[in-house]
C-alpha atoms as a PDB file:
ATOM      1  CA  UNK A   1      -0.351  -0.158   0.349  1.00  0.00           C
ATOM      2  CA  UNK A   2       3.009   2.657   0.581  1.00  0.00           C
ATOM      3  CA  UNK A   3       4.355   1.368  -2.865  1.00  0.00           C
ATOM      4  CA  UNK A   4       0.939   2.241  -4.108  1.00  0.00           C
ATOM      5  CA  UNK A   5       0.205   5.528  -2.921  1.00  0.00           C
ATOM      6  CA  UNK A   6       3.936   6.902  -3.063  1.00  0.00           C
ATOM      7  CA  UNK A   7       4.286   5.589  -6.822  1.00  0.00           C
ATOM      8  CA  UNK A   8       8.103   4.851  -5.494  1.00  0.00           C
ATOM      9  CA  UNK A   9       9.876   2.282  -3.708  1.00  0.00           C
ATOM     10  CA  UNK A  10      12.159   4.194  -2.767  1.00  0.00           C
ATOM     11  CA  UNK A  11       9.990   6.234  -1.288  1.00  0.00           C
ATOM     12  CA  UNK A  12       7.647   4.111   0.483  1.00  0.00           C
ATOM     13  CA  UNK A  13      11.344   2.485   2.205  1.00  0.00           C
ATOM     14  CA  UNK A  14      11.392   5.890   3.442  1.00  0.00           C
ATOM     15  CA  UNK A  15       8.297   6.047   4.803  1.00  0.00           C
ATOM     16  CA  UNK A  16       8.498   2.674   6.409  1.00  0.00           C
ATOM     17  CA  UNK A  17      11.851   2.643   7.445  1.00  0.00           C
ATOM     18  CA  UNK A  18      13.043  -0.190   5.425  1.00  0.00           C
ATOM     19  CA  UNK A  19      15.913  -0.580   2.918  1.00  0.00           C
ATOM     20  CA  UNK A  20      15.179   0.091  -0.590  1.00  0.00           C
ATOM     21  CA  UNK A  21      16.061  -3.979  -1.252  1.00  0.00           C
ATOM     22  CA  UNK A  22      13.783  -5.146   1.546  1.00  0.00           C
ATOM     23  CA  UNK A  23      10.609  -3.545  -0.152  1.00  0.00           C
ATOM     24  CA  UNK A  24      11.439  -4.668  -3.899  1.00  0.00           C
ATOM     25  CA  UNK A  25      11.381  -8.157  -2.029  1.00  0.00           C
ATOM     26  CA  UNK A  26       8.225  -7.840  -0.274  1.00  0.00           C
ATOM     27  CA  UNK A  27       6.599  -6.903  -3.460  1.00  0.00           C
ATOM     28  CA  UNK A  28       8.341  -9.740  -5.400  1.00  0.00           C
ATOM     29  CA  UNK A  29       7.181 -11.884  -3.262  1.00  0.00           C
ATOM     30  CA  UNK A  30       3.572 -10.531  -3.332  1.00  0.00           C
ATOM     31  CA  UNK A  31       3.401 -10.809  -6.998  1.00  0.00           C
ATOM     32  CA  UNK A  32       4.835 -14.560  -6.730  1.00  0.00           C
ATOM     33  CA  UNK A  33       2.255 -14.858  -4.245  1.00  0.00           C
ATOM     34  CA  UNK A  34      -0.826 -13.720  -6.564  1.00  0.00           C
ATOM     35  CA  UNK A  35       0.539 -14.539  -9.923  1.00  0.00           C
ATOM     36  CA  UNK A  36      -0.106 -11.181 -11.239  1.00  0.00           C
ATOM     37  CA  UNK A  37       2.224  -8.221 -11.730  1.00  0.00           C
ATOM     38  CA  UNK A  38       1.317  -4.930  -9.051  1.00  0.00           C
ATOM     39  CA  UNK A  39       3.681  -2.498 -10.543  1.00  0.00           C
ATOM     40  CA  UNK A  40       5.353  -1.483 -13.760  1.00  0.00           C
ATOM     41  CA  UNK A  41       9.141  -0.181 -12.620  1.00  0.00           C
ATOM     42  CA  UNK A  42      10.763   3.265 -14.934  1.00  0.00           C
ATOM     43  CA  UNK A  43      13.319   5.951 -13.855  1.00  0.00           C
ATOM     44  CA  UNK A  44      11.329   7.977 -11.805  1.00  0.00           C
ATOM     45  CA  UNK A  45       9.359   4.964  -9.989  1.00  0.00           C
ATOM     46  CA  UNK A  46       6.487   2.812 -10.195  1.00  0.00           C
ATOM     47  CA  UNK A  47       3.059   2.951 -11.850  1.00  0.00           C
ATOM     48  CA  UNK A  48       0.652   0.586 -10.519  1.00  0.00           C
ATOM     49  CA  UNK A  49      -1.529  -2.376 -12.649  1.00  0.00           C
ATOM     50  CA  UNK A  50      -4.515  -2.785 -12.491  1.00  0.00           C
ATOM     51  CA  UNK A  51      -3.692  -5.677 -10.340  1.00  0.00           C
ATOM     52  CA  UNK A  52      -2.471  -3.282  -7.513  1.00  0.00           C
ATOM     53  CA  UNK A  53      -5.539  -0.793  -8.395  1.00  0.00           C
ATOM     54  CA  UNK A  54      -7.692  -3.539  -7.329  1.00  0.00           C
ATOM     55  CA  UNK A  55      -5.855  -4.875  -4.356  1.00  0.00           C
ATOM     56  CA  UNK A  56      -5.527  -1.386  -3.093  1.00  0.00           C
ATOM     57  CA  UNK A  57      -9.316  -1.128  -3.438  1.00  0.00           C
ATOM     58  CA  UNK A  58      -9.674  -4.178  -1.363  1.00  0.00           C
ATOM     59  CA  UNK A  59      -7.703  -3.909   1.511  1.00  0.00           C
ATOM     60  CA  UNK A  60      -6.528  -0.232   1.407  1.00  0.00           C
ATOM     61  CA  UNK A  61      -8.928   1.178   4.069  1.00  0.00           C
ATOM     62  CA  UNK A  62      -8.563  -1.854   6.450  1.00  0.00           C
ATOM     63  CA  UNK A  63      -5.058  -1.567   6.649  1.00  0.00           C
ATOM     64  CA  UNK A  64      -5.144   1.903   7.596  1.00  0.00           C
ATOM     65  CA  UNK A  65      -8.040   1.049   9.832  1.00  0.00           C
ATOM     66  CA  UNK A  66      -5.585  -1.691  11.223  1.00  0.00           C
ATOM     67  CA  UNK A  67      -2.819   0.609  11.439  1.00  0.00           C
ATOM     68  CA  UNK A  68      -4.691   3.247  13.585  1.00  0.00           C
ATOM     69  CA  UNK A  69      -5.934   1.164  15.961  1.00  0.00           C
ATOM     70  CA  UNK A  70      -2.227  -0.135  16.006  1.00  0.00           C
ATOM     71  CA  UNK A  71      -1.052   2.736  16.679  1.00  0.00           C
ATOM     72  CA  UNK A  72      -3.361   3.646  19.723  1.00  0.00           C
ATOM     73  CA  UNK A  73      -2.727   0.533  21.454  1.00  0.00           C
ATOM     74  CA  UNK A  74       0.593   1.601  21.437  1.00  0.00           C
ATOM     75  CA  UNK A  75       0.273   5.217  22.264  1.00  0.00           C
ATOM     76  CA  UNK A  76      -1.529   4.192  25.512  1.00  0.00           C
ATOM     77  CA  UNK A  77       1.592   1.965  26.927  1.00  0.00           C
ATOM     78  CA  UNK A  78       4.324   3.321  24.922  1.00  0.00           C
ATOM     79  CA  UNK A  79       6.881   6.954  26.030  1.00  0.00           C
ATOM     80  CA  UNK A  80       4.989   9.809  24.783  1.00  0.00           C
ATOM     81  CA  UNK A  81       7.987  11.671  25.425  1.00  0.00           C
ATOM     82  CA  UNK A  82       9.587  13.061  22.165  1.00  0.00           C
ATOM     83  CA  UNK A  83       9.496  16.023  19.479  1.00  0.00           C
ATOM     84  CA  UNK A  84       6.274  16.127  16.857  1.00  0.00           C
ATOM     85  CA  UNK A  85       6.402  18.853  14.047  1.00  0.00           C
ATOM     86  CA  UNK A  86       2.731  20.489  13.027  1.00  0.00           C
ATOM     87  CA  UNK A  87       2.527  22.542  10.130  1.00  0.00           C
ATOM     88  CA  UNK A  88       0.134  25.030   8.994  1.00  0.00           C
ATOM     89  CA  UNK A  89      -0.979  28.394   7.932  1.00  0.00           C
ATOM     90  CA  UNK A  90       0.694  30.767  10.702  1.00  0.00           C
ATOM     91  CA  UNK A  91      -2.820  32.563  12.003  1.00  0.00           C
ATOM     92  CA  UNK A  92      -4.438  29.232  12.834  1.00  0.00           C
ATOM     93  CA  UNK A  93      -1.718  27.620  14.387  1.00  0.00           C
ATOM     94  CA  UNK A  94      -1.144  30.358  16.617  1.00  0.00           C
ATOM     95  CA  UNK A  95      -4.645  31.421  16.847  1.00  0.00           C
ATOM     96  CA  UNK A  96      -6.444  27.993  17.491  1.00  0.00           C
ATOM     97  CA  UNK A  97      -3.869  25.019  17.433  1.00  0.00           C
ATOM     98  CA  UNK A  98      -1.343  26.575  20.028  1.00  0.00           C
ATOM     99  CA  UNK A  99      -4.526  26.762  22.986  1.00  0.00           C
ATOM    100  CA  UNK A 100      -4.888  23.323  22.601  1.00  0.00           C
ATOM    101  CA  UNK A 101      -1.433  22.059  23.047  1.00  0.00           C
ATOM    102  CA  UNK A 102      -1.205  21.876  26.696  1.00  0.00           C
ATOM    103  CA  UNK A 103      -2.776  18.236  27.131  1.00  0.00           C
ATOM    104  CA  UNK A 104       0.219  17.079  24.895  1.00  0.00           C
ATOM    105  CA  UNK A 105       3.024  19.277  26.400  1.00  0.00           C
ATOM    106  CA  UNK A 106       1.937  18.368  30.106  1.00  0.00           C
ATOM    107  CA  UNK A 107       2.422  15.161  29.022  1.00  0.00           C
ATOM    108  CA  UNK A 108       5.981  15.337  28.395  1.00  0.00           C
ATOM    109  CA  UNK A 109       5.797  16.167  24.282  1.00  0.00           C
ATOM    110  CA  UNK A 110       8.098  18.539  22.453  1.00  0.00           C
ATOM    111  CA  UNK A 111       5.813  20.643  19.661  1.00  0.00           C
ATOM    112  CA  UNK A 112       7.536  22.202  16.731  1.00  0.00           C
ATOM    113  CA  UNK A 113       5.466  24.362  15.040  1.00  0.00           C
ATOM    114  CA  UNK A 114       5.869  25.319  11.135  1.00  0.00           C
ATOM    115  CA  UNK A 115       4.521  27.758   9.084  1.00  0.00           C
ATOM    116  CA  UNK A 116       3.232  27.280   5.697  1.00  0.00           C
ATOM    117  CA  UNK A 117       0.576  27.226   2.963  1.00  0.00           C
ATOM    118  CA  UNK A 118      -1.145  25.032   1.446  1.00  0.00           C
ATOM    119  CA  UNK A 119       1.088  22.983  -0.865  1.00  0.00           C
ATOM    120  CA  UNK A 120       4.030  23.315   1.434  1.00  0.00           C
ATOM    121  CA  UNK A 121       1.599  21.779   3.934  1.00  0.00           C
ATOM    122  CA  UNK A 122       1.113  18.747   1.722  1.00  0.00           C
ATOM    123  CA  UNK A 123       4.926  18.879   0.204  1.00  0.00           C
ATOM    124  CA  UNK A 124       6.684  18.612   3.948  1.00  0.00           C
ATOM    125  CA  UNK A 125       3.733  16.031   5.059  1.00  0.00           C
ATOM    126  CA  UNK A 126       4.799  13.526   1.906  1.00  0.00           C
ATOM    127  CA  UNK A 127       8.450  14.111   2.188  1.00  0.00           C
ATOM    128  CA  UNK A 128       8.187  13.260   5.926  1.00  0.00           C
ATOM    129  CA  UNK A 129       9.726  16.680   7.053  1.00  0.00           C
ATOM    130  CA  UNK A 130       6.527  16.965   9.531  1.00  0.00           C
ATOM    131  CA  UNK A 131       3.831  14.978  11.347  1.00  0.00           C
ATOM    132  CA  UNK A 132       0.891  16.560  11.301  1.00  0.00           C
ATOM    133  CA  UNK A 133      -0.365  19.355   8.832  1.00  0.00           C
ATOM    134  CA  UNK A 134      -3.392  21.615   8.527  1.00  0.00           C
ATOM    135  CA  UNK A 135      -5.059  22.707   5.645  1.00  0.00           C
ATOM    136  CA  UNK A 136      -7.767  24.900   4.445  1.00  0.00           C
ATOM    137  CA  UNK A 137      -8.802  22.919   2.143  1.00  0.00           C
ATOM    138  CA  UNK A 138      -9.722  19.306   1.053  1.00  0.00           C
ATOM    139  CA  UNK A 139      -6.967  16.923   0.221  1.00  0.00           C
ATOM    140  CA  UNK A 140      -6.903  14.830  -2.743  1.00  0.00           C
ATOM    141  CA  UNK A 141      -3.710  13.022  -2.872  1.00  0.00           C
ATOM    142  CA  UNK A 142      -3.817   9.728  -2.078  1.00  0.00           C
ATOM    143  CA  UNK A 143      -0.657   9.228   0.080  1.00  0.00           C
ATOM    144  CA  UNK A 144      -2.283  11.184   2.805  1.00  0.00           C
ATOM    145  CA  UNK A 145      -5.143  10.735   4.597  1.00  0.00           C
ATOM    146  CA  UNK A 146      -7.551  14.132   6.534  1.00  0.00           C
ATOM    147  CA  UNK A 147     -10.182  14.882   8.919  1.00  0.00           C
ATOM    148  CA  UNK A 148     -12.821  17.875   9.566  1.00  0.00           C
ATOM    149  CA  UNK A 149     -11.629  19.560  12.632  1.00  0.00           C
ATOM    150  CA  UNK A 150     -13.724  22.752  12.091  1.00  0.00           C
ATOM    151  CA  UNK A 151     -16.022  24.851  10.320  1.00  0.00           C
ATOM    152  CA  UNK A 152     -15.253  28.486  10.254  1.00  0.00           C
ATOM    153  CA  UNK A 153     -17.681  31.133   9.403  1.00  0.00           C
ATOM    154  CA  UNK A 154     -16.334  33.513   7.562  1.00  0.00           C
ATOM    155  CA  UNK A 155     -17.430  37.630   7.809  1.00  0.00           C
ATOM    156  CA  UNK A 156     -16.520  40.969   6.123  1.00  0.00           C
ATOM    157  CA  UNK A 157     -15.277  43.531   8.794  1.00  0.00           C
ATOM    158  CA  UNK A 158     -13.796  46.760   8.740  1.00  0.00           C
ATOM    159  CA  UNK A 159     -12.989  49.863  11.044  1.00  0.00           C
ATOM    160  CA  UNK A 160     -16.220  51.706  12.441  1.00  0.00           C
ATOM    161  CA  UNK A 161     -14.986  54.680  10.354  1.00  0.00           C
ATOM    162  CA  UNK A 162     -14.710  52.598   6.898  1.00  0.00           C
ATOM    163  CA  UNK A 163     -18.010  50.275   7.682  1.00  0.00           C
ATOM    164  CA  UNK A 164     -20.142  53.299   8.340  1.00  0.00           C
ATOM    165  CA  UNK A 165     -19.438  54.872   5.243  1.00  0.00           C
ATOM    166  CA  UNK A 166     -19.850  51.350   2.898  1.00  0.00           C
ATOM    167  CA  UNK A 167     -23.041  50.353   5.036  1.00  0.00           C
ATOM    168  CA  UNK A 168     -24.226  54.154   4.224  1.00  0.00           C
ATOM    169  CA  UNK A 169     -23.923  53.214   0.452  1.00  0.00           C
ATOM    170  CA  UNK A 170     -27.725  53.003  -1.157  1.00  0.00           C
ATOM    171  CA  UNK A 171     -25.930  50.184  -2.923  1.00  0.00           C
ATOM    172  CA  UNK A 172     -24.145  47.701  -0.847  1.00  0.00           C
ATOM    173  CA  UNK A 173     -21.543  46.757  -3.723  1.00  0.00           C
ATOM    174  CA  UNK A 174     -20.541  50.275  -4.569  1.00  0.00           C
ATOM    175  CA  UNK A 175     -20.176  50.878  -0.997  1.00  0.00           C
ATOM    176  CA  UNK A 176     -17.315  48.079  -1.040  1.00  0.00           C
ATOM    177  CA  UNK A 177     -16.067  48.676  -4.045  1.00  0.00           C
ATOM    178  CA  UNK A 178     -15.395  52.407  -2.783  1.00  0.00           C
ATOM    179  CA  UNK A 179     -12.976  51.058  -0.142  1.00  0.00           C
ATOM    180  CA  UNK A 180      -9.606  49.812  -0.434  1.00  0.00           C
ATOM    181  CA  UNK A 181      -9.701  45.940  -0.190  1.00  0.00           C
ATOM    182  CA  UNK A 182      -6.763  43.595   1.589  1.00  0.00           C
ATOM    183  CA  UNK A 183      -6.459  40.247   0.671  1.00  0.00           C
ATOM    184  CA  UNK A 184      -4.823  36.805   1.652  1.00  0.00           C
ATOM    185  CA  UNK A 185      -3.490  36.265  -1.633  1.00  0.00           C
ATOM    186  CA  UNK A 186      -3.989  37.041  -5.067  1.00  0.00           C
ATOM    187  CA  UNK A 187      -6.152  34.252  -5.798  1.00  0.00           C
ATOM    188  CA  UNK A 188      -8.599  35.727  -2.858  1.00  0.00           C
ATOM    189  CA  UNK A 189     -10.791  33.038  -2.413  1.00  0.00           C
ATOM    190  CA  UNK A 190     -12.146  33.898   1.238  1.00  0.00           C
ATOM    191  CA  UNK A 191     -13.161  37.361  -0.640  1.00  0.00           C
ATOM    192  CA  UNK A 192     -14.364  36.364  -3.727  1.00  0.00           C
ATOM    193  CA  UNK A 193     -16.254  33.284  -2.253  1.00  0.00           C
ATOM    194  CA  UNK A 194     -17.986  35.834   0.295  1.00  0.00           C
ATOM    195  CA  UNK A 195     -18.839  38.135  -2.529  1.00  0.00           C
ATOM    196  CA  UNK A 196     -19.843  35.854  -5.040  1.00  0.00           C
ATOM    197  CA  UNK A 197     -22.036  34.159  -2.607  1.00  0.00           C
ATOM    198  CA  UNK A 198     -24.282  37.467  -1.638  1.00  0.00           C
ATOM    199  CA  UNK A 199     -24.350  38.386  -5.402  1.00  0.00           C
ATOM    200  CA  UNK A 200     -21.947  41.999  -4.661  1.00  0.00           C
ATOM    201  CA  UNK A 201     -19.093  40.343  -7.245  1.00  0.00           C
ATOM    202  CA  UNK A 202     -19.396  43.422 -10.379  1.00  0.00           C
ATOM    203  CA  UNK A 203     -16.033  43.627 -10.934  1.00  0.00           C
ATOM    204  CA  UNK A 204     -12.509  41.710 -10.847  1.00  0.00           C
ATOM    205  CA  UNK A 205     -11.283  43.138  -7.083  1.00  0.00           C
ATOM    206  CA  UNK A 206      -7.558  44.445  -7.179  1.00  0.00           C
ATOM    207  CA  UNK A 207      -6.326  44.395  -3.524  1.00  0.00           C
ATOM    208  CA  UNK A 208      -4.802  47.060  -2.186  1.00  0.00           C
ATOM    209  CA  UNK A 209      -2.517  44.735   0.210  1.00  0.00           C
ATOM    210  CA  UNK A 210      -1.927  41.260   0.228  1.00  0.00           C
ATOM    211  CA  UNK A 211      -0.677  39.323   3.147  1.00  0.00           C
ATOM    212  CA  UNK A 212      -0.109  35.366   3.787  1.00  0.00           C
ATOM    213  CA  UNK A 213      -0.697  35.948   7.585  1.00  0.00           C
ATOM    214  CA  UNK A 214      -4.550  37.180   7.693  1.00  0.00           C
ATOM    215  CA  UNK A 215      -3.402  38.765  11.379  1.00  0.00           C
ATOM    216  CA  UNK A 216      -1.668  41.364   9.017  1.00  0.00           C
ATOM    217  CA  UNK A 217      -5.052  42.306   7.621  1.00  0.00           C
ATOM    218  CA  UNK A 218      -6.690  42.708  11.108  1.00  0.00           C
ATOM    219  CA  UNK A 219      -3.867  44.931  12.097  1.00  0.00           C
ATOM    220  CA  UNK A 220      -4.627  47.105   9.343  1.00  0.00           C
ATOM    221  CA  UNK A 221      -8.554  46.831   9.894  1.00  0.00           C
ATOM    222  CA  UNK A 222      -7.963  47.770  13.291  1.00  0.00           C
ATOM    223  CA  UNK A 223      -6.396  51.227  12.463  1.00  0.00           C
ATOM    224  CA  UNK A 224      -9.122  52.290   9.889  1.00  0.00           C
ATOM    225  CA  UNK A 225      -7.783  51.190   6.674  1.00  0.00           C
ATOM    226  CA  UNK A 226      -9.926  49.175   4.228  1.00  0.00           C
ATOM    227  CA  UNK A 227     -12.384  46.394   4.582  1.00  0.00           C
ATOM    228  CA  UNK A 228     -11.637  42.376   4.510  1.00  0.00           C
ATOM    229  CA  UNK A 229     -13.406  38.835   5.042  1.00  0.00           C
ATOM    230  CA  UNK A 230     -11.932  36.900   7.937  1.00  0.00           C
ATOM    231  CA  UNK A 231     -12.964  34.153  10.006  1.00  0.00           C
ATOM    232  CA  UNK A 232     -14.395  35.021  12.886  1.00  0.00           C
ATOM    233  CA  UNK A 233     -11.843  33.985  15.440  1.00  0.00           C
ATOM    234  CA  UNK A 234      -9.674  35.956  13.945  1.00  0.00           C
ATOM    235  CA  UNK A 235     -11.867  39.077  14.948  1.00  0.00           C
ATOM    236  CA  UNK A 236     -14.761  37.980  17.395  1.00  0.00           C
ATOM    237  CA  UNK A 237     -12.529  39.687  20.191  1.00  0.00           C
ATOM    238  CA  UNK A 238     -12.059  43.024  18.022  1.00  0.00           C
ATOM    239  CA  UNK A 239     -15.813  43.399  17.168  1.00  0.00           C
ATOM    240  CA  UNK A 240     -16.666  42.854  20.786  1.00  0.00           C
ATOM    241  CA  UNK A 241     -14.279  45.696  21.928  1.00  0.00           C
ATOM    242  CA  UNK A 242     -15.795  48.193  18.911  1.00  0.00           C
ATOM    243  CA  UNK A 243     -12.534  48.316  16.928  1.00  0.00           C
ATOM    244  CA  UNK A 244     -14.260  46.408  14.339  1.00  0.00           C
ATOM    245  CA  UNK A 245     -17.649  46.394  13.235  1.00  0.00           C
ATOM    246  CA  UNK A 246     -19.100  43.488  10.901  1.00  0.00           C
ATOM    247  CA  UNK A 247     -20.418  44.255   7.657  1.00  0.00           C
ATOM    248  CA  UNK A 248     -23.853  41.624   7.657  1.00  0.00           C
ATOM    249  CA  UNK A 249     -24.033  39.278   4.889  1.00  0.00           C
ATOM    250  CA  UNK A 250     -27.175  40.388   3.119  1.00  0.00           C
ATOM    251  CA  UNK A 251     -27.733  36.947   1.647  1.00  0.00           C
ATOM    252  CA  UNK A 252     -25.755  34.063   3.750  1.00  0.00           C
ATOM    253  CA  UNK A 253     -22.771  33.760   5.735  1.00  0.00           C
ATOM    254  CA  UNK A 254     -20.126  31.795   3.722  1.00  0.00           C
ATOM    255  CA  UNK A 255     -17.780  29.010   6.037  1.00  0.00           C
ATOM    256  CA  UNK A 256     -14.178  27.663   6.004  1.00  0.00           C
ATOM    257  CA  UNK A 257     -13.623  24.447   7.019  1.00  0.00           C
ATOM    258  CA  UNK A 258     -10.507  23.107   8.311  1.00  0.00           C
ATOM    259  CA  UNK A 259      -8.975  19.697   8.036  1.00  0.00           C
ATOM    260  CA  UNK A 260      -6.312  17.729   9.874  1.00  0.00           C
ATOM    261  CA  UNK A 261      -3.796  15.981   7.291  1.00  0.00           C
ATOM    262  CA  UNK A 262      -1.268  12.850   7.663  1.00  0.00           C
ATOM    263  CA  UNK A 263       0.301  10.059   6.193  1.00  0.00           C
ATOM    264  CA  UNK A 264      -1.163   6.562   6.946  1.00  0.00           C
ATOM    265  CA  UNK A 265       2.641   5.310   7.369  1.00  0.00           C
ATOM    266  CA  UNK A 266       3.123   8.455  10.366  1.00  0.00           C
ATOM    267  CA  UNK A 267       0.277   6.623  12.321  1.00  0.00           C
ATOM    268  CA  UNK A 268       3.088   4.017  13.660  1.00  0.00           C
ATOM    269  CA  UNK A 269       4.829   6.265  15.699  1.00  0.00           C
ATOM    270  CA  UNK A 270       3.019   6.556  19.151  1.00  0.00           C
ATOM    271  CA  UNK A 271       3.468  10.221  19.954  1.00  0.00           C
ATOM    272  CA  UNK A 272       2.212  11.452  16.369  1.00  0.00           C
ATOM    273  CA  UNK A 273      -1.135   8.995  16.769  1.00  0.00           C
ATOM    274  CA  UNK A 274      -1.593  10.074  20.120  1.00  0.00           C
ATOM    275  CA  UNK A 275      -1.417  13.605  19.217  1.00  0.00           C
ATOM    276  CA  UNK A 276      -3.523  13.426  16.209  1.00  0.00           C
ATOM    277  CA  UNK A 277      -6.287  12.281  18.531  1.00  0.00           C
ATOM    278  CA  UNK A 278      -5.789  14.641  20.937  1.00  0.00           C
ATOM    279  CA  UNK A 279      -6.143  17.444  18.263  1.00  0.00           C
ATOM    280  CA  UNK A 280      -8.918  15.874  16.392  1.00  0.00           C
ATOM    281  CA  UNK A 281     -10.870  15.629  20.067  1.00  0.00           C
ATOM    282  CA  UNK A 282     -10.062  19.101  21.219  1.00  0.00           C
ATOM    283  CA  UNK A 283     -10.801  20.986  18.192  1.00  0.00           C
ATOM    284  CA  UNK A 284     -13.808  19.608  17.410  1.00  0.00           C
ATOM    285  CA  UNK A 285     -14.596  20.709  20.730  1.00  0.00           C
ATOM    286  CA  UNK A 286     -14.004  24.346  20.055  1.00  0.00           C
ATOM    287  CA  UNK A 287     -15.656  26.863  17.587  1.00  0.00           C
ATOM    288  CA  UNK A 288     -15.431  30.867  17.530  1.00  0.00           C
ATOM    289  CA  UNK A 289     -18.325  32.931  19.105  1.00  0.00           C
ATOM    290  CA  UNK A 290     -21.355  33.219  16.874  1.00  0.00           C
ATOM    291  CA  UNK A 291     -21.400  36.492  14.329  1.00  0.00           C
ATOM    292  CA  UNK A 292     -24.321  38.686  14.578  1.00  0.00           C
ATOM    293  CA  UNK A 293     -25.005  37.552  10.673  1.00  0.00           C
ATOM    294  CA  UNK A 294     -25.101  34.340  11.535  1.00  0.00           C
ATOM    295  CA  UNK A 295     -27.507  34.551  14.145  1.00  0.00           C
ATOM    296  CA  UNK A 296     -29.965  36.970  12.267  1.00  0.00           C
ATOM    297  CA  UNK A 297     -29.810  34.505   9.262  1.00  0.00           C
ATOM    298  CA  UNK A 298     -30.371  31.696  11.457  1.00  0.00           C
ATOM    299  CA  UNK A 299     -33.700  33.271  13.125  1.00  0.00           C
ATOM    300  CA  UNK A 300     -34.487  34.500   9.993  1.00  0.00           C
ATOM    301  CA  UNK A 301     -34.805  30.557   8.873  1.00  0.00           C
ATOM    302  CA  UNK A 302     -36.703  30.031  12.129  1.00  0.00           C
ATOM    303  CA  UNK A 303     -39.341  32.418  11.350  1.00  0.00           C
ATOM    304  CA  UNK A 304     -40.031  30.585   7.876  1.00  0.00           C
END
């Protein structure tokens, strides 16, 4: 299964902490046992045959479940001291994940947080440079596994003066277009998603500022420059203090999903299995305070 996922005998050997000849011998023995070729070898790796596809479909999930069960059993009896490397976008790691690490730290585990964008997160996990990752996008790579850990409302916010100008406009889209936009990336998935869902996207948005850490956007917003779309966990305190004002969504609140990501082979290490389960449980129990827009939409739905 590891060779099938990695498409490489040498990569599978590194993930399994075995030698390349040992993995090659296992594959050859399996091919001999079933009487069919599983992989076509070439210079840059291997390509699964139809027989490998069938076998992977039959046993893949069951092997993952067995690995998880064995890892959990080892975690209950093994020493958890050691380091674990977690990678993800900086604001979510700092604002959401870090407070949930106390049980792991109290158990004697050392935690190393590393910040990166989506592609770097997946690359570092696949290459074995990190143990667990956080992604705000569903993971499609067959070499990785993921689980939804949090769904976060996204709301449009601005400083009080900017929000007042936007909301005073006769047309909300015109009011938004008249103010500078702050965005996470040039692709602006948070911004454009919110605008499209609320039928407010008229022309392509040209951000005044791009920042790979949403806390940078928040800092500018609180001093009265521009507007943006942020997850509620990043701005609920500022809204409560009056430093930011929510711009109510006229149709619907957008949501952002966050996933914990790992490689199946990583769960062979007791501390990684334990950390994974701890974070899945603790992050699933936490959520941001509800926004005014979310409450209003829910109230309207109940009336109708």
